[in-house]
Amino acid sequence: MTADPDWQPRLESERLIVRPLEESDRDALYAVAADPMVWEQHPMHDRWRREVFDKLFDECLASGGSLAVIRKSDDSMVGHSRYDRYDPENGGSVEIGWTFLATACWGKGLNRELKRAMLGHAFRYVARVDFRVGETNYRSRQALDNIGAARDPERYDLDRYQGRRVVHLYYTIDRAGFVEGPLSTD
């Protein structure tokens, strides 16, 4: 394992290029995020609004782990994901999240392909990857089940958004689970 993790790598899969997010990506990524369907199950369901998206985009740029997701076939922006909350203790862990893809990409295996590339990179540095997902975001929860992430019943966060209580659940995959899990056959 390398001592200094790179949380903004350039990754490539069969159909995707994943690269560090740049300020110049703002409008292209907003074109993806402007579809309210992307956010319908997300606790922060209004990220399709430009002012809400711009705040998210600024936070993502400042995080040091945000990634643009580009479709190789037409070099178009199709989404975003992010590494965050790196903890070097106990073999290391990092969170993968803030992932969203254009609705035209749904059901085509691109999220699975993205997560396989990101997990493969993460496990060069850490023993465990965490995912934090809104309790009512059933689409994302199903996607996590499909890639072999297990829900940690002991961990959750309580937040508030627009005066409403928001529960975030945690899912995890460890290195062995990745190597032996459903993504190993891709």
Protein backbone atom coordinates (compact mmCIF):
# COMPACT_ATOMS: atom_id res chain seq x y z
CA MET A 1 0.00 0.00 0.00
CA THR A 2 1.09 3.52 -0.74
CA ALA A 3 1.47 5.88 2.22
CA ASP A 4 -0.02 8.97 0.56
CA PRO A 5 -3.50 8.35 -0.87
CA ASP A 6 -4.50 10.07 -4.08
CA TRP A 7 -8.18 10.93 -3.73
CA GLN A 8 -8.43 12.68 -7.10
CA PRO A 9 -7.06 10.07 -9.48
CA ARG A 10 -7.72 9.60 -13.15
CA LEU A 11 -9.48 6.26 -13.53
CA GLU A 12 -10.64 4.50 -16.64
CA SER A 13 -13.09 1.68 -17.18
CA GLU A 14 -14.60 0.17 -20.30
CA ARG A 15 -17.07 3.03 -20.85
CA LEU A 16 -16.03 5.75 -18.42
CA ILE A 17 -13.24 8.18 -17.67
CA VAL A 18 -13.20 9.44 -14.10
CA ARG A 19 -11.02 12.48 -13.49
CA PRO A 20 -10.63 15.34 -10.99
CA LEU A 21 -13.52 17.79 -11.04
CA GLU A 22 -12.58 21.26 -12.31
CA GLU A 23 -14.27 24.66 -12.15
CA SER A 24 -14.73 24.49 -15.92
CA ASP A 25 -17.05 21.47 -15.38
CA ARG A 26 -19.69 23.54 -13.55
CA ASP A 27 -22.13 24.07 -16.44
CA ALA A 28 -21.79 20.58 -17.91
CA LEU A 29 -22.36 18.97 -14.50
CA TYR A 30 -25.30 21.28 -13.83
CA ALA A 31 -26.86 20.06 -17.09
CA VAL A 32 -26.88 16.57 -15.47
CA ALA A 33 -28.00 17.80 -12.04
CA ALA A 34 -30.78 20.04 -13.41
CA ASP A 35 -33.04 17.01 -13.89
CA PRO A 36 -35.27 16.78 -10.78
CA MET A 37 -35.52 12.98 -11.28
CA VAL A 38 -31.87 12.68 -10.25
CA TRP A 39 -32.79 13.99 -6.78
CA GLU A 40 -36.32 12.66 -6.26
CA GLN A 41 -35.29 10.16 -3.54
CA HIS A 42 -32.32 12.12 -2.23
CA PRO A 43 -32.72 13.86 1.15
CA MET A 44 -31.51 17.12 -0.44
CA HIS A 45 -34.15 16.81 -3.15
CA ASP A 46 -33.77 20.35 -4.55
CA ARG A 47 -30.21 20.14 -5.84
CA TRP A 48 -31.63 20.55 -9.35
CA ARG A 49 -32.12 24.25 -8.52
CA ARG A 50 -29.14 26.27 -9.80
CA GLU A 51 -28.39 28.11 -6.54
CA VAL A 52 -28.51 24.87 -4.53
CA PHE A 53 -26.38 23.06 -7.11
CA ASP A 54 -23.79 25.87 -7.17
CA LYS A 55 -23.37 25.60 -3.40
CA LEU A 56 -22.91 21.82 -3.72
CA PHE A 57 -20.45 22.26 -6.61
CA ASP A 58 -18.35 24.74 -4.59
CA GLU A 59 -18.29 22.32 -1.65
CA CYS A 60 -17.26 19.47 -3.96
CA LEU A 61 -14.42 21.49 -5.48
CA ALA A 62 -13.16 22.40 -2.01
CA SER A 63 -13.30 18.78 -0.79
CA GLY A 64 -10.18 17.60 -2.61
CA GLY A 65 -11.84 14.33 -3.62
CA SER A 66 -14.45 15.20 -6.25
CA LEU A 67 -14.48 13.46 -9.59
CA ALA A 68 -16.16 14.15 -12.91
CA VAL A 69 -17.61 11.12 -14.67
CA ILE A 70 -17.20 11.24 -18.45
CA ARG A 71 -18.73 8.82 -20.97
CA LYS A 72 -16.02 7.70 -23.39
CA SER A 73 -18.29 7.17 -26.39
CA ASP A 74 -19.08 10.88 -26.77
CA ASP A 75 -16.77 12.56 -24.22
CA SER A 76 -19.82 13.92 -22.37
CA MET A 77 -20.23 14.69 -18.68
CA VAL A 78 -22.59 12.11 -17.21
CA GLY A 79 -22.10 12.52 -13.47
CA HIS A 80 -20.06 13.00 -10.34
CA SER A 81 -18.69 11.05 -7.41
CA ARG A 82 -16.35 11.79 -4.54
CA TYR A 83 -13.91 10.34 -2.04
CA ASP A 84 -14.15 11.95 1.41
CA ARG A 85 -13.64 11.41 5.13
CA TYR A 86 -10.37 9.51 4.81
CA ASP A 87 -9.27 8.00 8.13
CA PRO A 88 -5.85 6.29 8.23
CA GLU A 89 -6.57 4.49 11.54
CA ASN A 90 -7.15 0.72 11.80
CA GLY A 91 -6.08 -0.08 8.24
CA GLY A 92 -7.75 3.01 6.85
CA SER A 93 -11.18 3.90 5.57
CA VAL A 94 -12.64 6.38 3.11
CA GLU A 95 -16.16 7.30 2.13
CA ILE A 96 -17.40 7.18 -1.45
CA GLY A 97 -20.47 9.27 -2.06
CA TRP A 98 -22.05 12.35 -3.57
CA THR A 99 -22.59 10.16 -6.61
CA PHE A 100 -25.16 11.06 -9.22
CA LEU A 101 -25.50 10.07 -12.84
CA ALA A 102 -27.64 11.37 -15.69
CA THR A 103 -30.97 9.55 -15.87
CA ALA A 104 -30.05 8.41 -19.41
CA CYS A 105 -27.30 6.34 -17.75
CA TRP A 106 -29.57 4.56 -15.29
CA GLY A 107 -30.05 0.84 -15.70
CA LYS A 108 -27.04 0.42 -17.98
CA GLY A 109 -24.48 -0.74 -15.41
CA LEU A 110 -22.55 2.55 -15.39
CA ASN A 111 -22.90 3.11 -11.63
CA ARG A 112 -21.59 -0.41 -11.04
CA GLU A 113 -18.69 0.25 -13.43
CA LEU A 114 -17.93 3.56 -11.69
CA LYS A 115 -18.01 2.01 -8.22
CA ARG A 116 -15.80 -0.90 -9.31
CA ALA A 117 -13.14 1.54 -10.56
CA MET A 118 -13.38 3.74 -7.47
CA LEU A 119 -13.31 0.81 -5.05
CA GLY A 120 -10.34 -0.75 -6.84
CA HIS A 121 -8.46 2.52 -6.41
CA ALA A 122 -9.53 3.00 -2.79
CA PHE A 123 -8.41 -0.47 -1.74
CA ARG A 124 -4.86 0.43 -2.73
CA TYR A 125 -4.91 2.68 0.38
CA VAL A 126 -7.59 1.51 2.81
CA ALA A 127 -9.08 -1.64 4.27
CA ARG A 128 -12.69 -0.39 4.30
CA VAL A 129 -14.91 1.87 2.19
CA ASP A 130 -18.02 3.48 3.65
CA PHE A 131 -21.11 4.76 1.86
CA ARG A 132 -23.59 7.12 3.54
CA VAL A 133 -27.07 7.16 1.99
CA GLY A 134 -30.41 8.73 2.84
CA GLU A 135 -32.81 6.29 4.45
CA THR A 136 -35.49 6.95 1.81
CA ASN A 137 -33.10 6.83 -1.13
CA TYR A 138 -34.16 3.33 -2.11
CA ARG A 139 -32.57 3.49 -5.56
CA SER A 140 -29.11 4.14 -4.05
CA ARG A 141 -29.65 1.59 -1.29
CA GLN A 142 -30.50 -1.06 -3.92
CA ALA A 143 -27.42 -0.09 -5.93
CA LEU A 144 -25.26 -0.56 -2.82
CA ASP A 145 -26.80 -3.98 -2.17
CA ASN A 146 -26.07 -4.89 -5.80
CA ILE A 147 -22.35 -4.10 -5.47
CA GLY A 148 -21.99 -6.11 -2.26
CA ALA A 149 -22.06 -3.33 0.33
CA ALA A 150 -23.50 -4.38 3.68
CA ARG A 151 -25.60 -2.08 5.84
CA ASP A 152 -24.03 -1.34 9.21
CA PRO A 153 -27.02 -1.40 11.59
CA GLU A 154 -24.98 0.30 14.32
CA ARG A 155 -24.16 3.46 12.34
CA TYR A 156 -26.41 6.26 11.18
CA ASP A 157 -26.49 10.05 11.18
CA LEU A 158 -29.39 12.33 12.00
CA ASP A 159 -29.47 15.65 10.19
CA ARG A 160 -32.02 18.28 9.29
CA TYR A 161 -32.78 19.70 5.88
CA GLN A 162 -35.38 22.39 5.31
CA GLY A 163 -36.77 21.75 8.78
CA ARG A 164 -37.23 18.01 8.23
CA ARG A 165 -35.36 15.20 9.93
CA VAL A 166 -33.04 13.29 7.63
CA VAL A 167 -31.61 9.88 8.49
CA HIS A 168 -28.46 8.69 6.72
CA LEU A 169 -27.56 5.00 6.85
CA TYR A 170 -24.07 3.54 6.45
CA TYR A 171 -23.05 0.70 4.18
CA THR A 172 -19.54 -0.75 4.00
CA ILE A 173 -17.34 -2.95 1.86
CA ASP A 174 -13.99 -4.24 3.07
CA ARG A 175 -11.12 -5.34 0.87
CA ALA A 176 -12.02 -9.04 1.13
CA GLY A 177 -15.67 -8.31 0.35
CA PHE A 178 -14.59 -6.43 -2.76
CA VAL A 179 -12.25 -9.17 -3.98
CA GLU A 180 -14.80 -11.92 -3.31
CA GLY A 181 -18.01 -9.96 -3.97
CA PRO A 182 -20.20 -9.30 -6.99
CA LEU A 183 -17.84 -6.71 -8.51
CA SER A 184 -15.04 -9.28 -8.78
CA THR A 185 -16.82 -10.97 -11.68
CA ASP A 186 -17.14 -7.83 -13.79
